[in-house]
């Protein structure tokens, strides 16, 4: 047993299902039947989810479409759900496979 305030390596292991890769990509959160969008930064991403940062993220609904441009300029979109939130960041889980958007859509 560990003293209060200390954790063992095993208990400190995160509860993620997939390894995340750091990145810094511009993205848009689209909601309200495509009538509303919100600009964010993707800070890390995995096969199952992503960490987003930005201002006033509490304004985002629990589920929305996340549109991300990759390094080649190709934009993809997927439906996501918020799984945790902090003042300046949220974690989202991917709900569907990514799909490519028409060029210039982001």
PDB file of N, CA and C in Angstrom:
ATOM      1  N   UNK A   1       0.844  -1.173   0.000  1.00  0.00           N
ATOM      2  CA  UNK A   1       0.000   0.000   0.000  1.00  0.00           C
ATOM      3  C   UNK A   1       0.888   1.235   0.000  1.00  0.00           C
ATOM      4  N   UNK A   2       0.468   2.253  -0.745  1.00  0.00           N
ATOM      5  CA  UNK A   2       1.232   3.489  -0.870  1.00  0.00           C
ATOM      6  C   UNK A   2       0.772   4.509   0.159  1.00  0.00           C
ATOM      7  N   UNK A   3       1.686   5.373   0.602  1.00  0.00           N
ATOM      8  CA  UNK A   3       1.281   6.461   1.490  1.00  0.00           C
ATOM      9  C   UNK A   3       0.288   7.378   0.779  1.00  0.00           C
ATOM     10  N   UNK A   4      -0.522   8.117   1.536  1.00  0.00           N
ATOM     11  CA  UNK A   4      -1.471   9.031   0.902  1.00  0.00           C
ATOM     12  C   UNK A   4      -0.752  10.012  -0.017  1.00  0.00           C
ATOM     13  N   UNK A   5      -1.366  10.273  -1.173  1.00  0.00           N
ATOM     14  CA  UNK A   5      -0.782  11.212  -2.127  1.00  0.00           C
ATOM     15  C   UNK A   5       0.197  10.587  -3.099  1.00  0.00           C
ATOM     16  N   UNK A   6       0.583   9.339  -2.897  1.00  0.00           N
ATOM     17  CA  UNK A   6       1.501   8.662  -3.803  1.00  0.00           C
ATOM     18  C   UNK A   6       0.769   7.524  -4.485  1.00  0.00           C
ATOM     19  N   UNK A   7       1.151   7.268  -5.727  1.00  0.00           N
ATOM     20  CA  UNK A   7       0.529   6.176  -6.464  1.00  0.00           C
ATOM     21  C   UNK A   7       1.620   5.258  -6.988  1.00  0.00           C
ATOM     22  N   UNK A   8       1.287   4.011  -7.113  1.00  0.00           N
ATOM     23  CA  UNK A   8       2.237   3.074  -7.701  1.00  0.00           C
ATOM     24  C   UNK A   8       2.178   3.224  -9.216  1.00  0.00           C
ATOM     25  N   UNK A   9       3.148   2.664  -9.891  1.00  0.00           N
ATOM     26  CA  UNK A   9       3.167   2.732 -11.350  1.00  0.00           C
ATOM     27  C   UNK A   9       1.919   2.078 -11.915  1.00  0.00           C
ATOM     28  N   UNK A  10       1.481   1.002 -11.320  1.00  0.00           N
ATOM     29  CA  UNK A  10       0.308   0.300 -11.817  1.00  0.00           C
ATOM     30  C   UNK A  10      -0.949   1.144 -11.677  1.00  0.00           C
ATOM     31  N   UNK A  11      -1.158   1.794 -10.530  1.00  0.00           N
ATOM     32  CA  UNK A  11      -2.378   2.578 -10.335  1.00  0.00           C
ATOM     33  C   UNK A  11      -2.330   3.896 -11.087  1.00  0.00           C
ATOM     34  N   UNK A  12      -1.129   4.341 -11.465  1.00  0.00           N
ATOM     35  CA  UNK A  12      -0.997   5.594 -12.202  1.00  0.00           C
ATOM     36  C   UNK A  12      -1.218   5.392 -13.699  1.00  0.00           C
ATOM     37  N   UNK A  13      -1.323   4.129 -14.136  1.00  0.00           N
ATOM     38  CA  UNK A  13      -1.537   3.856 -15.547  1.00  0.00           C
ATOM     39  C   UNK A  13      -2.886   4.423 -15.962  1.00  0.00           C
ATOM     40  N   UNK A  14      -2.874   5.111 -17.088  1.00  0.00           N
ATOM     41  CA  UNK A  14      -4.107   5.719 -17.546  1.00  0.00           C
ATOM     42  C   UNK A  14      -5.070   4.667 -18.067  1.00  0.00           C
ATOM     43  N   UNK A  15      -6.327   5.028 -18.136  1.00  0.00           N
ATOM     44  CA  UNK A  15      -7.375   4.095 -18.517  1.00  0.00           C
ATOM     45  C   UNK A  15      -7.677   4.160 -20.010  1.00  0.00           C
ATOM     46  N   UNK A  16      -6.704   4.552 -20.800  1.00  0.00           N
ATOM     47  CA  UNK A  16      -6.894   4.650 -22.234  1.00  0.00           C
ATOM     48  C   UNK A  16      -6.826   3.272 -22.872  1.00  0.00           C
ATOM     49  N   UNK A  17      -7.572   3.119 -23.963  1.00  0.00           N
ATOM     50  CA  UNK A  17      -7.571   1.864 -24.697  1.00  0.00           C
ATOM     51  C   UNK A  17      -6.531   1.855 -25.815  1.00  0.00           C
ATOM     52  N   UNK A  18      -6.059   3.037 -26.207  1.00  0.00           N
ATOM     53  CA  UNK A  18      -5.109   3.132 -27.310  1.00  0.00           C
ATOM     54  C   UNK A  18      -4.063   4.199 -26.997  1.00  0.00           C
ATOM     55  N   UNK A  19      -2.870   4.011 -27.504  1.00  0.00           N
ATOM     56  CA  UNK A  19      -1.776   4.950 -27.316  1.00  0.00           C
ATOM     57  C   UNK A  19      -2.064   6.235 -28.078  1.00  0.00           C
ATOM     58  N   UNK A  20      -1.862   7.372 -27.421  1.00  0.00           N
ATOM     59  CA  UNK A  20      -2.109   8.665 -28.065  1.00  0.00           C
ATOM     60  C   UNK A  20      -0.808   9.242 -28.602  1.00  0.00           C
ATOM     61  N   UNK A  21      -0.926   9.966 -29.705  1.00  0.00           N
ATOM     62  CA  UNK A  21       0.195  10.619 -30.352  1.00  0.00           C
ATOM     63  C   UNK A  21       0.009  12.130 -30.251  1.00  0.00           C
ATOM     64  N   UNK A  22       1.044  12.815 -29.813  1.00  0.00           N
ATOM     65  CA  UNK A  22       0.963  14.273 -29.712  1.00  0.00           C
ATOM     66  C   UNK A  22       0.865  14.895 -31.100  1.00  0.00           C
ATOM     67  N   UNK A  23       0.096  15.955 -31.179  1.00  0.00           N
ATOM     68  CA  UNK A  23      -0.024  16.698 -32.426  1.00  0.00           C
ATOM     69  C   UNK A  23      -0.508  18.100 -32.098  1.00  0.00           C
ATOM     70  N   UNK A  24      -0.551  18.947 -33.077  1.00  0.00           N
ATOM     71  CA  UNK A  24      -1.079  20.294 -32.920  1.00  0.00           C
ATOM     72  C   UNK A  24      -1.767  20.631 -34.233  1.00  0.00           C
ATOM     73  N   UNK A  25      -3.047  20.298 -34.309  1.00  0.00           N
ATOM     74  CA  UNK A  25      -3.798  20.483 -35.542  1.00  0.00           C
ATOM     75  C   UNK A  25      -5.022  21.353 -35.299  1.00  0.00           C
ATOM     76  N   UNK A  26      -5.297  22.218 -36.234  1.00  0.00           N
ATOM     77  CA  UNK A  26      -6.526  23.007 -36.176  1.00  0.00           C
ATOM     78  C   UNK A  26      -7.703  22.097 -36.504  1.00  0.00           C
ATOM     79  N   UNK A  27      -8.817  22.330 -35.837  1.00  0.00           N
ATOM     80  CA  UNK A  27     -10.014  21.521 -36.075  1.00  0.00           C
ATOM     81  C   UNK A  27     -11.254  22.364 -35.826  1.00  0.00           C
ATOM     82  N   UNK A  28     -12.383  21.859 -36.287  1.00  0.00           N
ATOM     83  CA  UNK A  28     -13.675  22.496 -36.051  1.00  0.00           C
ATOM     84  C   UNK A  28     -14.625  21.496 -35.436  1.00  0.00           C
ATOM     85  N   UNK A  29     -15.398  21.961 -34.474  1.00  0.00           N
ATOM     86  CA  UNK A  29     -16.474  21.182 -33.884  1.00  0.00           C
ATOM     87  C   UNK A  29     -17.759  21.703 -34.509  1.00  0.00           C
ATOM     88  N   UNK A  30     -18.472  20.849 -35.207  1.00  0.00           N
ATOM     89  CA  UNK A  30     -19.684  21.252 -35.917  1.00  0.00           C
ATOM     90  C   UNK A  30     -20.882  20.617 -35.220  1.00  0.00           C
ATOM     91  N   UNK A  31     -21.901  21.432 -34.937  1.00  0.00           N
ATOM     92  CA  UNK A  31     -23.092  20.938 -34.236  1.00  0.00           C
ATOM     93  C   UNK A  31     -24.296  21.762 -34.637  1.00  0.00           C
ATOM     94  N   UNK A  32     -25.432  21.500 -34.030  1.00  0.00           N
ATOM     95  CA  UNK A  32     -26.676  22.215 -34.329  1.00  0.00           C
ATOM     96  C   UNK A  32     -27.048  22.038 -35.800  1.00  0.00           C
ATOM     97  N   UNK A  33     -27.023  20.775 -36.251  1.00  0.00           N
ATOM     98  CA  UNK A  33     -27.345  20.426 -37.642  1.00  0.00           C
ATOM     99  C   UNK A  33     -26.483  21.184 -38.651  1.00  0.00           C
ATOM    100  N   UNK A  34     -25.228  21.415 -38.307  1.00  0.00           N
ATOM    101  CA  UNK A  34     -24.287  22.080 -39.201  1.00  0.00           C
ATOM    102  C   UNK A  34     -24.391  23.592 -39.204  1.00  0.00           C
ATOM    103  N   UNK A  35     -25.285  24.148 -38.382  1.00  0.00           N
ATOM    104  CA  UNK A  35     -25.461  25.605 -38.343  1.00  0.00           C
ATOM    105  C   UNK A  35     -24.460  26.297 -37.420  1.00  0.00           C
ATOM    106  N   UNK A  36     -23.818  25.546 -36.525  1.00  0.00           N
ATOM    107  CA  UNK A  36     -22.876  26.130 -35.568  1.00  0.00           C
ATOM    108  C   UNK A  36     -21.550  25.397 -35.641  1.00  0.00           C
ATOM    109  N   UNK A  37     -20.465  26.147 -35.480  1.00  0.00           N
ATOM    110  CA  UNK A  37     -19.151  25.503 -35.402  1.00  0.00           C
ATOM    111  C   UNK A  37     -18.277  26.274 -34.425  1.00  0.00           C
ATOM    112  N   UNK A  38     -17.229  25.593 -33.985  1.00  0.00           N
ATOM    113  CA  UNK A  38     -16.349  26.123 -32.950  1.00  0.00           C
ATOM    114  C   UNK A  38     -14.931  25.672 -33.258  1.00  0.00           C
ATOM    115  N   UNK A  39     -13.983  26.593 -33.290  1.00  0.00           N
ATOM    116  CA  UNK A  39     -12.593  26.262 -33.597  1.00  0.00           C
ATOM    117  C   UNK A  39     -11.866  25.771 -32.352  1.00  0.00           C
ATOM    118  N   UNK A  40     -11.090  24.690 -32.505  1.00  0.00           N
ATOM    119  CA  UNK A  40     -10.310  24.112 -31.412  1.00  0.00           C
ATOM    120  C   UNK A  40      -8.957  23.664 -31.952  1.00  0.00           C
ATOM    121  N   UNK A  41      -8.079  23.253 -31.050  1.00  0.00           N
ATOM    122  CA  UNK A  41      -6.819  22.608 -31.415  1.00  0.00           C
ATOM    123  C   UNK A  41      -6.851  21.172 -30.933  1.00  0.00           C
ATOM    124  N   UNK A  42      -6.394  20.258 -31.764  1.00  0.00           N
ATOM    125  CA  UNK A  42      -6.239  18.859 -31.365  1.00  0.00           C
ATOM    126  C   UNK A  42      -4.827  18.732 -30.819  1.00  0.00           C
ATOM    127  N   UNK A  43      -4.690  18.361 -29.550  1.00  0.00           N
ATOM    128  CA  UNK A  43      -3.382  18.265 -28.896  1.00  0.00           C
ATOM    129  C   UNK A  43      -2.800  16.860 -28.940  1.00  0.00           C
ATOM    130  N   UNK A  44      -3.652  15.857 -28.898  1.00  0.00           N
ATOM    131  CA  UNK A  44      -3.195  14.484 -29.109  1.00  0.00           C
ATOM    132  C   UNK A  44      -4.355  13.665 -29.640  1.00  0.00           C
ATOM    133  N   UNK A  45      -4.010  12.567 -30.299  1.00  0.00           N
ATOM    134  CA  UNK A  45      -5.030  11.767 -30.964  1.00  0.00           C
ATOM    135  C   UNK A  45      -4.626  10.298 -30.908  1.00  0.00           C
ATOM    136  N   UNK A  46      -5.619   9.421 -30.886  1.00  0.00           N
ATOM    137  CA  UNK A  46      -5.385   7.978 -30.920  1.00  0.00           C
ATOM    138  C   UNK A  46      -6.422   7.354 -31.837  1.00  0.00           C
ATOM    139  N   UNK A  47      -6.432   6.057 -31.911  1.00  0.00           N
ATOM    140  CA  UNK A  47      -7.429   5.360 -32.720  1.00  0.00           C
ATOM    141  C   UNK A  47      -8.824   5.489 -32.113  1.00  0.00           C
ATOM    142  N   UNK A  48      -8.905   5.787 -30.817  1.00  0.00           N
ATOM    143  CA  UNK A  48     -10.208   5.808 -30.145  1.00  0.00           C
ATOM    144  C   UNK A  48     -10.685   7.183 -29.696  1.00  0.00           C
ATOM    145  N   UNK A  49      -9.812   8.203 -29.719  1.00  0.00           N
ATOM    146  CA  UNK A  49     -10.242   9.510 -29.239  1.00  0.00           C
ATOM    147  C   UNK A  49      -9.175  10.575 -29.394  1.00  0.00           C
ATOM    148  N   UNK A  50      -9.470  11.755 -28.813  1.00  0.00           N
ATOM    149  CA  UNK A  50      -8.555  12.891 -28.940  1.00  0.00           C
ATOM    150  C   UNK A  50      -8.729  13.842 -27.769  1.00  0.00           C
ATOM    151  N   UNK A  51      -7.704  14.676 -27.559  1.00  0.00           N
ATOM    152  CA  UNK A  51      -7.765  15.758 -26.580  1.00  0.00           C
ATOM    153  C   UNK A  51      -7.838  17.061 -27.356  1.00  0.00           C
ATOM    154  N   UNK A  52      -8.852  17.878 -27.032  1.00  0.00           N
ATOM    155  CA  UNK A  52      -9.054  19.156 -27.693  1.00  0.00           C
ATOM    156  C   UNK A  52      -8.827  20.283 -26.706  1.00  0.00           C
ATOM    157  N   UNK A  53      -8.243  21.388 -27.169  1.00  0.00           N
ATOM    158  CA  UNK A  53      -8.070  22.558 -26.309  1.00  0.00           C
ATOM    159  C   UNK A  53      -8.683  23.773 -26.993  1.00  0.00           C
ATOM    160  N   UNK A  54      -9.065  24.730 -26.173  1.00  0.00           N
ATOM    161  CA  UNK A  54      -9.654  25.954 -26.687  1.00  0.00           C
ATOM    162  C   UNK A  54     -10.304  26.722 -25.556  1.00  0.00           C
ATOM    163  N   UNK A  55     -10.928  27.826 -25.899  1.00  0.00           N
ATOM    164  CA  UNK A  55     -11.622  28.654 -24.923  1.00  0.00           C
ATOM    165  C   UNK A  55     -13.103  28.286 -24.877  1.00  0.00           C
ATOM    166  N   UNK A  56     -13.687  28.377 -23.708  1.00  0.00           N
ATOM    167  CA  UNK A  56     -15.129  28.176 -23.527  1.00  0.00           C
ATOM    168  C   UNK A  56     -15.635  26.854 -24.090  1.00  0.00           C
ATOM    169  N   UNK A  57     -14.895  25.793 -23.875  1.00  0.00           N
ATOM    170  CA  UNK A  57     -15.298  24.486 -24.406  1.00  0.00           C
ATOM    171  C   UNK A  57     -16.578  23.960 -23.764  1.00  0.00           C
ATOM    172  N   UNK A  58     -16.979  24.542 -22.636  1.00  0.00           N
ATOM    173  CA  UNK A  58     -18.217  24.123 -21.992  1.00  0.00           C
ATOM    174  C   UNK A  58     -19.422  24.400 -22.902  1.00  0.00           C
ATOM    175  N   UNK A  59     -19.244  25.252 -23.898  1.00  0.00           N
ATOM    176  CA  UNK A  59     -20.336  25.580 -24.815  1.00  0.00           C
ATOM    177  C   UNK A  59     -20.635  24.453 -25.806  1.00  0.00           C
ATOM    178  N   UNK A  60     -19.707  23.527 -25.957  1.00  0.00           N
ATOM    179  CA  UNK A  60     -19.914  22.428 -26.899  1.00  0.00           C
ATOM    180  C   UNK A  60     -20.934  21.435 -26.359  1.00  0.00           C
ATOM    181  N   UNK A  61     -21.756  20.871 -27.237  1.00  0.00           N
ATOM    182  CA  UNK A  61     -22.689  19.824 -26.792  1.00  0.00           C
ATOM    183  C   UNK A  61     -21.927  18.542 -26.456  1.00  0.00           C
ATOM    184  N   UNK A  62     -22.598  17.584 -25.860  1.00  0.00           N
ATOM    185  CA  UNK A  62     -21.951  16.320 -25.493  1.00  0.00           C
ATOM    186  C   UNK A  62     -21.520  15.514 -26.713  1.00  0.00           C
ATOM    187  N   UNK A  63     -22.247  15.622 -27.828  1.00  0.00           N
ATOM    188  CA  UNK A  63     -21.879  14.945 -29.071  1.00  0.00           C
ATOM    189  C   UNK A  63     -21.866  15.959 -30.196  1.00  0.00           C
ATOM    190  N   UNK A  64     -20.866  15.815 -31.093  1.00  0.00           N
ATOM    191  CA  UNK A  64     -20.742  16.730 -32.228  1.00  0.00           C
ATOM    192  C   UNK A  64     -19.852  16.091 -33.280  1.00  0.00           C
ATOM    193  N   UNK A  65     -19.716  16.757 -34.422  1.00  0.00           N
ATOM    194  CA  UNK A  65     -18.819  16.290 -35.468  1.00  0.00           C
ATOM    195  C   UNK A  65     -17.494  17.031 -35.335  1.00  0.00           C
ATOM    196  N   UNK A  66     -16.395  16.294 -35.338  1.00  0.00           N
ATOM    197  CA  UNK A  66     -15.060  16.872 -35.259  1.00  0.00           C
ATOM    198  C   UNK A  66     -14.424  16.788 -36.639  1.00  0.00           C
ATOM    199  N   UNK A  67     -14.063  17.951 -37.193  1.00  0.00           N
ATOM    200  CA  UNK A  67     -13.423  18.019 -38.502  1.00  0.00           C
ATOM    201  C   UNK A  67     -11.970  18.432 -38.303  1.00  0.00           C
ATOM    202  N   UNK A  68     -11.040  17.605 -38.799  1.00  0.00           N
ATOM    203  CA  UNK A  68      -9.609  17.827 -38.609  1.00  0.00           C
ATOM    204  C   UNK A  68      -8.915  17.831 -39.963  1.00  0.00           C
ATOM    205  N   UNK A  69      -8.010  18.795 -40.161  1.00  0.00           N
ATOM    206  CA  UNK A  69      -7.182  18.818 -41.369  1.00  0.00           C
ATOM    207  C   UNK A  69      -5.854  18.145 -41.042  1.00  0.00           C
ATOM    208  N   UNK A  70      -5.413  17.218 -41.883  1.00  0.00           N
ATOM    209  CA  UNK A  70      -4.121  16.582 -41.642  1.00  0.00           C
ATOM    210  C   UNK A  70      -3.010  17.387 -42.292  1.00  0.00           C
ATOM    211  N   UNK A  71      -1.777  16.919 -42.168  1.00  0.00           N
ATOM    212  CA  UNK A  71      -0.615  17.659 -42.666  1.00  0.00           C
ATOM    213  C   UNK A  71      -0.666  17.858 -44.180  1.00  0.00           C
ATOM    214  N   UNK A  72      -1.316  16.949 -44.885  1.00  0.00           N
ATOM    215  CA  UNK A  72      -1.417  17.060 -46.337  1.00  0.00           C
ATOM    216  C   UNK A  72      -2.560  17.976 -46.766  1.00  0.00           C
ATOM    217  N   UNK A  73      -3.315  18.503 -45.799  1.00  0.00           N
ATOM    218  CA  UNK A  73      -4.421  19.395 -46.113  1.00  0.00           C
ATOM    219  C   UNK A  73      -5.735  18.696 -46.375  1.00  0.00           C
ATOM    220  N   UNK A  74      -5.759  17.376 -46.194  1.00  0.00           N
ATOM    221  CA  UNK A  74      -6.990  16.614 -46.388  1.00  0.00           C
ATOM    222  C   UNK A  74      -7.801  16.671 -45.100  1.00  0.00           C
ATOM    223  N   UNK A  75      -9.048  17.075 -45.191  1.00  0.00           N
ATOM    224  CA  UNK A  75      -9.901  17.184 -44.011  1.00  0.00           C
ATOM    225  C   UNK A  75     -10.734  15.920 -43.837  1.00  0.00           C
ATOM    226  N   UNK A  76     -10.800  15.462 -42.599  1.00  0.00           N
ATOM    227  CA  UNK A  76     -11.630  14.311 -42.273  1.00  0.00           C
ATOM    228  C   UNK A  76     -12.608  14.706 -41.175  1.00  0.00           C
ATOM    229  N   UNK A  77     -13.656  13.928 -41.038  1.00  0.00           N
ATOM    230  CA  UNK A  77     -14.662  14.207 -40.022  1.00  0.00           C
ATOM    231  C   UNK A  77     -15.085  12.903 -39.366  1.00  0.00           C
ATOM    232  N   UNK A  78     -15.468  13.005 -38.097  1.00  0.00           N
ATOM    233  CA  UNK A  78     -16.063  11.880 -37.392  1.00  0.00           C
ATOM    234  C   UNK A  78     -16.929  12.403 -36.265  1.00  0.00           C
ATOM    235  N   UNK A  79     -17.923  11.617 -35.938  1.00  0.00           N
ATOM    236  CA  UNK A  79     -18.812  11.932 -34.825  1.00  0.00           C
ATOM    237  C   UNK A  79     -18.059  11.597 -33.543  1.00  0.00           C
ATOM    238  N   UNK A  80     -18.139  12.484 -32.519  1.00  0.00           N
ATOM    239  CA  UNK A  80     -17.435  12.269 -31.254  1.00  0.00           C
ATOM    240  C   UNK A  80     -18.370  12.534 -30.069  1.00  0.00           C
ATOM    241  N   UNK A  81     -17.961  12.027 -28.918  1.00  0.00           N
ATOM    242  CA  UNK A  81     -18.681  12.260 -27.667  1.00  0.00           C
ATOM    243  C   UNK A  81     -17.680  12.694 -26.612  1.00  0.00           C
ATOM    244  N   UNK A  82     -18.045  13.725 -25.844  1.00  0.00           N
ATOM    245  CA  UNK A  82     -17.201  14.205 -24.741  1.00  0.00           C
ATOM    246  C   UNK A  82     -17.187  13.141 -23.638  1.00  0.00           C
ATOM    247  N   UNK A  83     -15.967  12.801 -23.158  1.00  0.00           N
ATOM    248  CA  UNK A  83     -15.850  11.826 -22.070  1.00  0.00           C
ATOM    249  C   UNK A  83     -15.274  12.443 -20.801  1.00  0.00           C
ATOM    250  N   UNK A  84     -14.575  13.564 -20.928  1.00  0.00           N
ATOM    251  CA  UNK A  84     -14.101  14.304 -19.752  1.00  0.00           C
ATOM    252  C   UNK A  84     -13.887  15.759 -20.162  1.00  0.00           C
ATOM    253  N   UNK A  85     -13.852  16.643 -19.183  1.00  0.00           N
ATOM    254  CA  UNK A  85     -13.613  18.052 -19.494  1.00  0.00           C
ATOM    255  C   UNK A  85     -12.909  18.743 -18.340  1.00  0.00           C
ATOM    256  N   UNK A  86     -12.123  19.730 -18.709  1.00  0.00           N
ATOM    257  CA  UNK A  86     -11.445  20.636 -17.779  1.00  0.00           C
ATOM    258  C   UNK A  86     -11.705  22.051 -18.273  1.00  0.00           C
ATOM    259  N   UNK A  87     -11.166  23.042 -17.588  1.00  0.00           N
ATOM    260  CA  UNK A  87     -11.427  24.437 -17.961  1.00  0.00           C
ATOM    261  C   UNK A  87     -11.013  24.751 -19.396  1.00  0.00           C
ATOM    262  N   UNK A  88      -9.858  24.229 -19.832  1.00  0.00           N
ATOM    263  CA  UNK A  88      -9.356  24.582 -21.160  1.00  0.00           C
ATOM    264  C   UNK A  88      -9.178  23.400 -22.107  1.00  0.00           C
ATOM    265  N   UNK A  89      -9.689  22.223 -21.737  1.00  0.00           N
ATOM    266  CA  UNK A  89      -9.533  21.056 -22.606  1.00  0.00           C
ATOM    267  C   UNK A  89     -10.651  20.050 -22.362  1.00  0.00           C
ATOM    268  N   UNK A  90     -10.901  19.236 -23.386  1.00  0.00           N
ATOM    269  CA  UNK A  90     -11.856  18.137 -23.255  1.00  0.00           C
ATOM    270  C   UNK A  90     -11.278  16.906 -23.938  1.00  0.00           C
ATOM    271  N   UNK A  91     -11.707  15.751 -23.491  1.00  0.00           N
ATOM    272  CA  UNK A  91     -11.364  14.495 -24.135  1.00  0.00           C
ATOM    273  C   UNK A  91     -12.591  13.978 -24.842  1.00  0.00           C
ATOM    274  N   UNK A  92     -12.421  13.531 -26.076  1.00  0.00           N
ATOM    275  CA  UNK A  92     -13.543  13.004 -26.840  1.00  0.00           C
ATOM    276  C   UNK A  92     -13.251  11.583 -27.294  1.00  0.00           C
ATOM    277  N   UNK A  93     -14.305  10.819 -27.418  1.00  0.00           N
ATOM    278  CA  UNK A  93     -14.243   9.445 -27.918  1.00  0.00           C
ATOM    279  C   UNK A  93     -14.835   9.437 -29.319  1.00  0.00           C
ATOM    280  N   UNK A  94     -14.164   8.757 -30.253  1.00  0.00           N
ATOM    281  CA  UNK A  94     -14.682   8.648 -31.608  1.00  0.00           C
ATOM    282  C   UNK A  94     -15.837   7.655 -31.625  1.00  0.00           C
ATOM    283  N   UNK A  95     -16.945   8.043 -32.244  1.00  0.00           N
ATOM    284  CA  UNK A  95     -18.126   7.191 -32.293  1.00  0.00           C
ATOM    285  C   UNK A  95     -18.295   6.485 -33.624  1.00  0.00           C
ATOM    286  N   UNK A  96     -17.564   6.924 -34.639  1.00  0.00           N
ATOM    287  CA  UNK A  96     -17.679   6.329 -35.966  1.00  0.00           C
ATOM    288  C   UNK A  96     -16.338   6.458 -36.684  1.00  0.00           C
ATOM    289  N   UNK A  97     -16.145   5.670 -37.743  1.00  0.00           N
ATOM    290  CA  UNK A  97     -14.896   5.784 -38.507  1.00  0.00           C
ATOM    291  C   UNK A  97     -14.805   7.147 -39.191  1.00  0.00           C
ATOM    292  N   UNK A  98     -13.557   7.581 -39.440  1.00  0.00           N
ATOM    293  CA  UNK A  98     -13.393   8.875 -40.092  1.00  0.00           C
ATOM    294  C   UNK A  98     -13.802   8.777 -41.550  1.00  0.00           C
ATOM    295  N   UNK A  99     -14.279   9.893 -42.068  1.00  0.00           N
ATOM    296  CA  UNK A  99     -14.625   9.982 -43.475  1.00  0.00           C
ATOM    297  C   UNK A  99     -13.977  11.250 -44.037  1.00  0.00           C
ATOM    298  N   UNK A 100     -13.579  11.191 -45.269  1.00  0.00           N
ATOM    299  CA  UNK A 100     -12.926  12.327 -45.901  1.00  0.00           C
ATOM    300  C   UNK A 100     -13.972  13.351 -46.326  1.00  0.00           C
ATOM    301  N   UNK A 101     -13.662  14.624 -46.094  1.00  0.00           N
ATOM    302  CA  UNK A 101     -14.542  15.711 -46.497  1.00  0.00           C
ATOM    303  C   UNK A 101     -14.159  16.207 -47.881  1.00  0.00           C
ATOM    304  N   UNK A 102     -15.079  16.852 -48.544  1.00  0.00           N
ATOM    305  CA  UNK A 102     -14.781  17.436 -49.850  1.00  0.00           C
ATOM    306  C   UNK A 102     -13.673  18.475 -49.676  1.00  0.00           C
ATOM    307  N   UNK A 103     -12.842  18.647 -50.684  1.00  0.00           N
ATOM    308  CA  UNK A 103     -11.746  19.605 -50.577  1.00  0.00           C
ATOM    309  C   UNK A 103     -12.295  20.997 -50.325  1.00  0.00           C
ATOM    310  N   UNK A 104     -11.626  21.723 -49.422  1.00  0.00           N
ATOM    311  CA  UNK A 104     -12.042  23.066 -49.061  1.00  0.00           C
ATOM    312  C   UNK A 104     -13.167  23.117 -48.030  1.00  0.00           C
ATOM    313  N   UNK A 105     -13.593  21.973 -47.507  1.00  0.00           N
ATOM    314  CA  UNK A 105     -14.711  21.932 -46.581  1.00  0.00           C
ATOM    315  C   UNK A 105     -14.342  22.444 -45.191  1.00  0.00           C
ATOM    316  N   UNK A 106     -13.073  22.391 -44.831  1.00  0.00           N
ATOM    317  CA  UNK A 106     -12.662  22.803 -43.484  1.00  0.00           C
ATOM    318  C   UNK A 106     -12.209  24.173 -43.494  1.00  0.00           C
TER     319      UNK A 106
END
